[in-house]
Structures are given as C-alpha cells and as structure tokens.
Protein backbone atom coordinates (compact mmCIF):
# COMPACT_ATOMS: atom_id res chain seq x y z
CA MET A 1 -105.41 -4.92 -24.63
CA ARG A 2 -102.43 -6.72 -23.15
CA ALA A 3 -103.29 -8.81 -20.07
CA ASP A 4 -100.53 -7.27 -17.95
CA ARG A 5 -101.86 -3.78 -18.71
CA LEU A 6 -105.35 -4.91 -17.71
CA VAL A 7 -104.02 -6.06 -14.33
CA ALA A 8 -101.99 -2.87 -13.89
CA LEU A 9 -105.07 -0.76 -14.67
CA LEU A 10 -107.22 -2.69 -12.20
CA LEU A 11 -104.62 -2.26 -9.46
CA PHE A 12 -104.36 1.46 -10.25
CA LEU A 13 -108.13 1.83 -9.88
CA GLN A 14 -108.07 -0.03 -6.58
CA SER A 15 -105.29 2.11 -5.17
CA ARG A 16 -106.63 5.51 -6.30
CA GLY A 17 -110.38 5.03 -5.98
CA ARG A 18 -111.18 7.41 -8.83
CA VAL A 19 -108.93 8.26 -11.78
CA THR A 20 -109.06 10.34 -14.93
CA VAL A 21 -108.18 9.15 -18.40
CA ALA A 22 -105.10 11.41 -18.32
CA GLU A 23 -103.92 9.85 -15.04
CA VAL A 24 -104.37 6.35 -16.44
CA ALA A 25 -102.43 7.28 -19.57
CA ALA A 26 -99.56 8.69 -17.51
CA GLU A 27 -99.48 5.66 -15.18
CA LEU A 28 -99.52 3.05 -17.97
CA GLY A 29 -97.38 5.02 -20.41
CA VAL A 30 -99.97 4.99 -23.21
CA ALA A 31 -101.96 7.55 -25.19
CA GLU A 32 -105.21 8.90 -23.67
CA ARG A 33 -107.20 7.23 -26.48
CA THR A 34 -105.63 3.88 -25.54
CA ALA A 35 -106.28 4.52 -21.85
CA ARG A 36 -109.97 5.15 -22.56
CA ARG A 37 -110.24 1.96 -24.62
CA ASP A 38 -108.61 0.03 -21.77
CA LEU A 39 -111.12 1.37 -19.25
CA GLU A 40 -113.99 0.45 -21.53
CA ALA A 41 -112.47 -3.00 -22.03
CA LEU A 42 -112.48 -3.53 -18.25
CA ALA A 43 -116.20 -2.84 -18.15
CA THR A 44 -116.77 -5.19 -21.11
CA ALA A 45 -114.82 -7.90 -19.25
CA GLY A 46 -117.29 -7.71 -16.35
CA ILE A 47 -115.26 -5.54 -13.96
CA PRO A 48 -117.69 -3.17 -12.16
CA VAL A 49 -116.10 0.04 -13.41
CA TYR A 50 -118.04 3.16 -14.39
CA SER A 51 -117.36 6.73 -15.47
CA GLN A 52 -118.74 9.98 -14.08
CA ARG A 53 -118.68 13.09 -16.21
CA GLY A 54 -118.23 16.68 -15.12
CA ARG A 55 -116.12 18.46 -12.56
CA GLY A 56 -114.55 16.01 -10.12
CA GLY A 57 -115.56 13.07 -12.31
CA GLY A 58 -113.52 10.17 -13.56
CA TRP A 59 -113.49 6.40 -13.57
CA SER A 60 -113.90 4.25 -10.46
CA LEU A 61 -114.96 0.79 -9.30
CA VAL A 62 -118.60 0.39 -8.34
CA GLY A 63 -118.97 0.43 -4.57
CA GLY A 64 -115.19 0.45 -4.15
CA ALA A 65 -115.01 -3.15 -5.42
CA ARG A 66 -111.67 -4.81 -4.78
CA THR A 67 -109.84 -7.87 -6.05
CA ASP A 68 -107.13 -9.53 -3.95
CA LEU A 69 -104.71 -10.78 -6.61
CA THR A 70 -102.09 -12.10 -4.21
CA GLY A 71 -103.69 -14.35 -1.60
CA LEU A 72 -100.83 -13.43 0.74
CA THR A 73 -101.16 -13.40 4.50
CA ALA A 74 -99.85 -10.50 6.58
CA ASP A 75 -96.74 -12.45 7.63
CA GLU A 76 -96.09 -13.61 4.05
CA SER A 77 -96.37 -10.10 2.62
CA ARG A 78 -94.01 -8.64 5.25
CA ALA A 79 -91.48 -11.42 4.65
CA LEU A 80 -91.60 -10.84 0.90
CA PHE A 81 -91.09 -7.08 1.16
CA LEU A 82 -88.38 -7.43 3.79
CA LEU A 83 -86.49 -9.67 1.36
CA ALA A 84 -87.08 -7.76 -1.86
CA GLY A 85 -87.37 -4.18 -0.64
CA PRO A 86 -83.72 -3.37 0.22
CA SER A 87 -82.56 -5.06 -3.00
CA ALA A 88 -84.92 -3.15 -5.30
CA ALA A 89 -82.08 -1.59 -7.26
CA THR A 90 -83.48 -2.24 -10.75
CA PRO A 91 -86.43 -0.35 -12.29
CA GLU A 92 -88.17 -3.66 -13.02
CA LEU A 93 -88.10 -4.75 -9.38
CA ARG A 94 -89.25 -1.35 -8.12
CA THR A 95 -92.16 -1.43 -10.56
CA ALA A 96 -93.06 -4.98 -9.50
CA LEU A 97 -93.07 -3.99 -5.83
CA ARG A 98 -95.33 -1.01 -6.51
CA LYS A 99 -97.79 -3.24 -8.36
CA LEU A 100 -97.72 -5.80 -5.60
CA VAL A 101 -98.42 -3.16 -2.95
CA ARG A 102 -101.49 -2.08 -4.90
CA ALA A 103 -102.65 -5.67 -5.19
CA LEU A 104 -102.56 -6.19 -1.42
CA PRO A 105 -105.71 -5.67 0.66
CA ALA A 106 -105.76 -2.26 2.33
CA THR A 107 -105.11 -3.77 5.77
CA LEU A 108 -101.82 -5.32 4.60
CA ARG A 109 -100.38 -2.33 2.75
CA PRO A 110 -98.96 -0.36 5.71
CA GLY A 111 -96.98 -3.38 6.90
CA ALA A 112 -95.64 -4.09 3.41
CA GLU A 113 -94.62 -0.47 2.85
CA ALA A 114 -92.92 -0.38 6.26
CA ALA A 115 -91.04 -3.59 5.39
CA VAL A 116 -89.64 -1.96 2.25
CA ARG A 117 -88.20 0.86 4.39
CA ALA A 118 -86.90 -1.50 7.10
CA GLY A 119 -83.62 -2.44 5.43
CA VAL A 120 -80.81 -1.08 3.32
CA VAL A 121 -78.17 -2.73 1.13
CA ASP A 122 -74.64 -1.29 1.16
CA ALA A 123 -72.88 -2.39 -2.03
CA THR A 124 -69.35 -1.88 -0.64
CA ASP A 125 -67.31 -3.88 1.84
CA TRP A 126 -65.42 -2.37 4.79
CA SER A 127 -62.51 -1.43 2.52
CA ARG A 128 -64.96 0.62 0.40
CA THR A 129 -64.63 -1.83 -2.48
CA GLU A 130 -67.64 -2.35 -4.74
CA VAL A 131 -68.90 -5.91 -4.30
CA THR A 132 -71.80 -5.93 -6.76
CA ALA A 133 -69.82 -5.39 -9.95
CA ASP A 134 -71.14 -8.71 -11.25
CA ALA A 135 -74.73 -7.40 -11.44
CA PRO A 136 -74.83 -6.91 -15.26
CA ARG A 137 -73.51 -10.43 -15.81
CA LEU A 138 -75.85 -11.76 -13.14
CA ASP A 139 -78.83 -10.37 -15.04
CA ALA A 140 -77.67 -11.97 -18.28
CA LEU A 141 -77.04 -15.33 -16.61
CA GLN A 142 -80.39 -15.28 -14.81
CA ARG A 143 -82.13 -14.70 -18.14
CA ALA A 144 -80.19 -17.59 -19.67
CA VAL A 145 -81.17 -19.87 -16.79
CA ILE A 146 -84.84 -18.90 -16.98
CA ASP A 147 -84.99 -19.03 -20.79
CA GLY A 148 -83.01 -22.29 -20.90
CA VAL A 149 -80.40 -21.01 -23.38
CA GLN A 150 -76.76 -22.07 -23.60
CA VAL A 151 -74.18 -19.28 -23.30
CA ARG A 152 -70.65 -18.64 -24.43
CA LEU A 153 -69.05 -17.77 -21.11
CA GLY A 154 -65.94 -15.64 -20.71
CA TYR A 155 -64.20 -16.58 -17.46
CA ALA A 156 -60.90 -15.80 -15.76
CA GLY A 157 -60.06 -18.26 -12.98
CA PRO A 158 -57.82 -17.36 -10.01
CA GLY A 159 -54.25 -16.90 -11.23
CA ARG A 160 -55.12 -18.03 -14.76
CA PRO A 161 -55.68 -16.15 -18.02
CA GLY A 162 -59.25 -15.70 -19.17
CA GLY A 163 -60.88 -17.96 -21.72
CA GLU A 164 -64.25 -18.83 -23.21
CA ARG A 165 -66.35 -21.96 -23.12
CA THR A 166 -69.93 -22.94 -23.98
CA VAL A 167 -71.93 -23.99 -20.93
CA HIS A 168 -75.47 -25.04 -20.06
CA PRO A 169 -76.56 -22.62 -17.27
CA LEU A 170 -78.70 -24.46 -14.72
CA GLY A 171 -79.01 -22.06 -11.78
CA ILE A 172 -77.51 -19.33 -9.60
CA ALA A 173 -76.27 -20.10 -6.08
CA SER A 174 -75.27 -17.62 -3.38
CA LYS A 175 -72.90 -18.54 -0.53
CA ALA A 176 -72.15 -15.94 2.13
CA GLY A 177 -73.07 -13.17 -0.31
CA VAL A 178 -70.89 -14.52 -3.15
CA GLY A 179 -72.74 -15.57 -6.30
CA TYR A 180 -71.95 -18.62 -8.42
CA LEU A 181 -73.31 -19.96 -11.69
CA VAL A 182 -74.03 -23.70 -11.64
CA ALA A 183 -73.63 -25.05 -15.17
CA ASP A 184 -73.17 -28.28 -17.07
CA THR A 185 -69.99 -28.41 -19.18
CA GLU A 186 -68.04 -30.91 -21.21
CA ARG A 187 -66.35 -31.88 -17.94
CA GLY A 188 -69.62 -32.25 -16.03
CA LEU A 189 -71.20 -29.96 -13.46
CA ARG A 190 -69.09 -26.93 -12.54
CA THR A 191 -69.55 -23.65 -10.69
CA PHE A 192 -68.27 -20.27 -11.89
CA ARG A 193 -67.83 -17.36 -9.50
CA LEU A 194 -69.86 -14.47 -10.92
CA SER A 195 -67.24 -11.84 -10.13
CA ARG A 196 -64.83 -13.69 -12.47
CA VAL A 197 -67.25 -13.92 -15.39
CA THR A 198 -65.98 -11.55 -18.09
CA SER A 199 -68.69 -11.98 -20.73
CA VAL A 200 -71.99 -13.74 -21.39
CA GLU A 201 -73.14 -14.41 -24.96
CA PRO A 202 -76.33 -16.45 -25.52
CA THR A 203 -75.92 -19.00 -28.32
CA GLY A 204 -79.60 -19.54 -29.02
CA GLU A 205 -79.19 -23.27 -28.44
CA PRO A 206 -81.42 -24.88 -25.76
CA VAL A 207 -80.00 -26.01 -22.43
CA VAL A 208 -79.85 -29.77 -21.92
CA ARG A 209 -80.54 -30.52 -18.26
CA PRO A 210 -79.07 -33.69 -16.72
CA ASP A 211 -81.67 -36.30 -15.84
CA GLY A 212 -83.13 -35.74 -12.39
CA PHE A 213 -81.21 -32.49 -11.90
CA ASP A 214 -81.99 -30.59 -8.68
CA LEU A 215 -80.16 -27.31 -8.09
CA ALA A 216 -79.95 -27.56 -4.27
CA THR A 217 -78.65 -31.13 -4.43
CA ALA A 218 -76.14 -30.25 -7.14
CA TRP A 219 -74.83 -27.26 -5.16
CA ARG A 220 -74.29 -29.37 -2.05
CA SER A 221 -72.35 -31.94 -4.07
CA LEU A 222 -70.13 -29.22 -5.55
CA ALA A 223 -69.62 -27.13 -2.41
CA GLY A 224 -69.11 -30.05 -0.03
CA PRO A 225 -65.59 -30.99 -1.20
CA VAL A 226 -64.46 -27.35 -0.93
CA GLU A 227 -65.77 -27.11 2.62
CA ASP A 228 -64.04 -30.39 3.44
CA ARG A 229 -60.73 -28.95 2.21
CA MET A 230 -61.16 -26.02 4.59
CA HIS A 231 -61.10 -28.57 7.45
CA ALA A 232 -58.30 -30.76 6.09
CA VAL A 233 -55.75 -29.90 8.81
CA THR A 234 -56.28 -29.37 12.54
CA ALA A 235 -53.85 -27.34 14.63
CA ARG A 236 -53.72 -27.58 18.43
CA ALA A 237 -52.62 -24.53 20.38
CA LEU A 238 -52.63 -22.64 23.66
CA ALA A 239 -54.05 -19.14 23.37
CA ASP A 240 -54.11 -16.14 25.68
CA PRO A 241 -57.72 -15.22 26.61
CA GLY A 242 -57.30 -11.82 24.98
CA THR A 243 -56.88 -13.43 21.56
CA GLU A 244 -60.28 -15.16 21.56
CA THR A 245 -62.11 -12.36 19.71
CA VAL A 246 -59.53 -12.26 16.93
CA LEU A 247 -59.44 -16.05 16.69
CA ARG A 248 -63.21 -16.19 16.29
CA ARG A 249 -63.07 -13.58 13.53
CA LEU A 250 -60.26 -15.43 11.78
CA PHE A 251 -61.70 -18.93 11.95
CA GLY A 252 -65.40 -18.67 12.77
CA GLY A 253 -66.82 -22.17 13.08
CA ARG A 254 -63.37 -23.68 12.48
CA LEU A 255 -62.33 -22.69 16.03
CA ARG A 256 -63.04 -24.96 18.99
CA ILE A 257 -62.15 -24.13 22.60
CA ALA A 258 -61.58 -27.44 24.37
CA ALA A 259 -60.80 -26.20 27.86
CA VAL A 260 -59.14 -23.51 29.98
CA GLY A 261 -55.77 -24.52 31.41
CA ALA A 262 -54.50 -23.93 34.94
CA ASP A 263 -52.47 -20.97 33.65
CA GLY A 264 -55.64 -19.38 32.22
CA ARG A 265 -54.72 -20.05 28.60
CA LEU A 266 -57.32 -21.49 26.24
CA GLN A 267 -56.75 -24.96 24.83
CA ILE A 268 -57.95 -24.59 21.26
CA GLU A 269 -58.19 -26.43 17.96
CA VAL A 270 -58.47 -24.68 14.59
CA ASN A 271 -59.04 -26.14 11.14
CA GLY A 272 -57.55 -25.02 7.83
CA PRO A 273 -56.72 -26.27 4.33
CA THR A 274 -52.95 -26.73 4.89
CA PRO A 275 -50.38 -26.33 7.69
CA GLU A 276 -48.89 -23.39 5.79
CA VAL A 277 -52.19 -21.51 5.62
CA LEU A 278 -52.83 -22.07 9.31
CA ALA A 279 -49.34 -20.80 10.13
CA ALA A 280 -49.89 -17.65 8.07
CA GLN A 281 -53.19 -16.93 9.84
CA LEU A 282 -51.84 -17.55 13.33
CA ALA A 283 -48.51 -15.77 12.90
CA GLY A 284 -50.07 -12.33 13.35
CA LEU A 285 -51.05 -13.20 16.91
CA GLY A 286 -47.40 -13.55 17.90
CA ALA A 287 -46.77 -15.02 21.34
CA GLY A 288 -50.49 -14.80 22.09
CA VAL A 289 -50.90 -18.25 20.51
CA GLU A 290 -48.49 -21.15 21.05
CA VAL A 291 -49.03 -23.86 18.43
CA LEU A 292 -48.44 -27.36 19.73
CA GLY A 293 -49.01 -29.24 16.49
CA PRO A 294 -48.99 -30.44 13.80
CA PRO A 295 -45.23 -30.26 13.20
CA GLY A 296 -45.71 -28.73 9.74
CA THR A 297 -47.49 -25.71 11.18
CA ARG A 298 -44.88 -25.22 13.90
CA ALA A 299 -42.09 -25.50 11.33
CA ARG A 300 -43.71 -22.91 9.07
CA LEU A 301 -44.17 -20.53 12.02
CA ALA A 302 -40.47 -20.85 12.84
CA GLU A 303 -39.62 -20.05 9.22
CA LEU A 304 -41.89 -17.00 9.28
CA ALA A 305 -40.29 -15.79 12.51
CA ALA A 306 -36.81 -16.11 10.98
CA GLU A 307 -37.89 -14.31 7.81
CA LEU A 308 -39.43 -11.44 9.79
CA ALA A 309 -36.37 -11.14 12.03
CA SER A 310 -34.10 -10.97 8.98
CA VAL A 311 -36.12 -8.08 7.61
CA TYR A 312 -36.92 -6.13 10.77
CA GLY A 313 -34.26 -7.32 13.22
CA ALA A 314 -34.77 -8.21 16.87
CA PRO A 315 -37.19 -5.94 18.78
CA ASP A 316 -35.76 -3.36 21.16
CA ALA A 317 -37.51 -4.14 24.42
CA ASP A 318 -36.43 -0.85 26.04
CA SER A 319 -37.90 1.35 23.30
CA ALA A 320 -40.98 -0.71 22.46
CA PRO A 321 -44.13 1.15 23.58
CA ASP A 322 -46.71 -0.57 25.75
CA VAL A 323 -49.74 -0.48 23.44
CA ASP A 324 -53.11 -2.16 23.93
CA VAL A 325 -54.40 -2.81 20.41
CA ASP A 326 -57.99 -3.82 19.66
CA VAL A 327 -57.62 -5.80 16.45
CA ASP A 328 -60.64 -6.21 14.15
CA VAL A 329 -59.90 -8.82 11.52
CA ASP A 330 -62.21 -9.91 8.72
CA VAL A 331 -60.82 -12.71 6.59
CA ASP A 332 -62.46 -13.85 3.37
CA VAL A 333 -61.20 -17.21 2.16
CA ASP A 334 -61.85 -17.55 -1.55
CA ALA A 335 -63.10 -21.11 -2.03
CA ASP A 336 -64.10 -21.10 -5.67
CA VAL A 337 -65.36 -24.54 -6.69
CA GLU A 338 -64.67 -24.18 -10.40
CA ARG A 339 -61.36 -25.57 -11.56
C-alpha cells in the first residue's frame, strides 16, 4: 500500500469514527477489495483498528485512538488556513486542506474551518480585468523550481517582440501581487514577469545554482535598483488641501508633506523616475498643484498645457459648470526588473 494512502486512510478513520469498506473505497478512489486490504494493512502495521460485522458495523479505531500528524498550535493552524484557504483554487490544494483539517486535533478543527471561510480572492482588478492569467505558467515554473530542471522560456518584454531562451529557474517572487520568476541566465541573474511568460518547456537538464544562492537576498539585489529608479527625481510643489487624497493614491510612499503654508496650501515633495513622468502624473490635478521645481518638470507641464489648449482651446469660464469631483485614482507603475 502506498504510504500517502495509508495516511489518508488513517485521517479518514479519525474524522469519521466508523467507516465501511465502501466508504473507504469511495474516499480513496480505489476498489473495495483494495480498500479492505488497506484496512487490514493498518492493523498489521500496529494501528489499533478493528472491524465489527453486522448491521451498523464497520471499521473504527480502538477507543477512538487519534494521531496528531501536524504538531500545529491553534494560532499556527489558523494562520495557515487563513493564508491558504482563500487561494485554494486548484483541486490539489483543496484536497491537501481537507487532509490537513482531518489531521488536526478535534479542538483545532473549528478554528481552521472558520479560517478557510474568512477570506475570498477576487481574480479581477477594478477594471474587471483578469489578473491571474499567468496561473498555468506559474504552475509549470513552480514545478521546474522544485524539481530543479532548466526550462526553455518564451518571454515577451515590454514593447519588444517575444523570444525564447534557456534559463535556470531558481525561485518565484511576488511583489505587490505581481509574480516574477528569478532565474540564472547567460547574462547572470534576471527576473521575468510571469504575466509576460508565453511558454514554459522543461529541457530535462538539471538547474545549476550559483554558489551560496539565497532567493530573498537575490530578489533584494534585483529589485533594489528598480526601486531606486522610482525615486530618481524629486519634485517640490504647493498643493491645495483637497488634492491630498489623490496625491496619496498617485504616489503612496513617494509623497512627503513638509509643512502647511500660511495660505493653507501643502508644501510637498514627490519622487518619480523622470521629470517627464512626474509632469504627466501631476498634470491631471491642474491648478490644484503648483510645481516649483525641478525646471524639467515645470517645462514639461508647460508643454502639456500648450498641447491640451491646442486641442481643446481655452476654457469658457461663463459656461463651465461648478462641479465637485471626488477622484479615485489607482496607478500601477510597471517596474519589471528583467531587461
């Protein structure tokens, strides 16, 4: 009998108390003859299991004997099910969670089952766009990482045609919900955004890991320069108080409010990769934000104002409605490390 089936059978007995051969066969997906042999094998292995014939009979553990196969505390089990429960989209993970619930002591099961129901994963963003389309490729890459097998990777970088290359997959990293493959290539360590992976073909050749490789350390070394580029330029500005919510949504931790001026305006600093990008992000706030510097950002804002005026003309102050708009902005800056 396979060891994993032995464990599954033991957990089934613990969870049900008494079972019939037919119930065991249905649970394990085997023939009734195989199920009976498995039950007998448990007894041979020293597990206190016995059978009772007749109406209402079946197989059960002597005295309700139990085996705690997890060693988890109550807090550990809740944390595990809170993390895994909402993401249990695959049959394998759902099956694993069911087995784990059965392995828990009876006192821990209600909390674990409640944790599974405590969260939900919505696979679309606010524009109703699917954001988990990389799941099939993620599964293939995770297998390659775990099995230590090189892959022929199809990849289409931003603004570039797709191509293929052989890489040594070393791990999967997730940053703000975006997944990346960390791999060794002919050019050294690189990351590949999972949503841009077009194909994964295992080569059968073993992965060669760099000496002393640590995934967390490698990710920090790869992501750090990208984060630094997001703070390459600092713009100083005066902002109306009503723009603070939008500014925080646009820039997050890249916004700093230095002080409040005598006129009530906020003295702010915002970081971005280039003066042009900062100008594009701030332009939508109109006169609500007055950029003081750097000169490149002010110059680009002036150019944008001229371009918009040439398309739309000067506003008609007499006919413009007085509208109070609550703007909700969610900006996703694509900072793919792979080049």
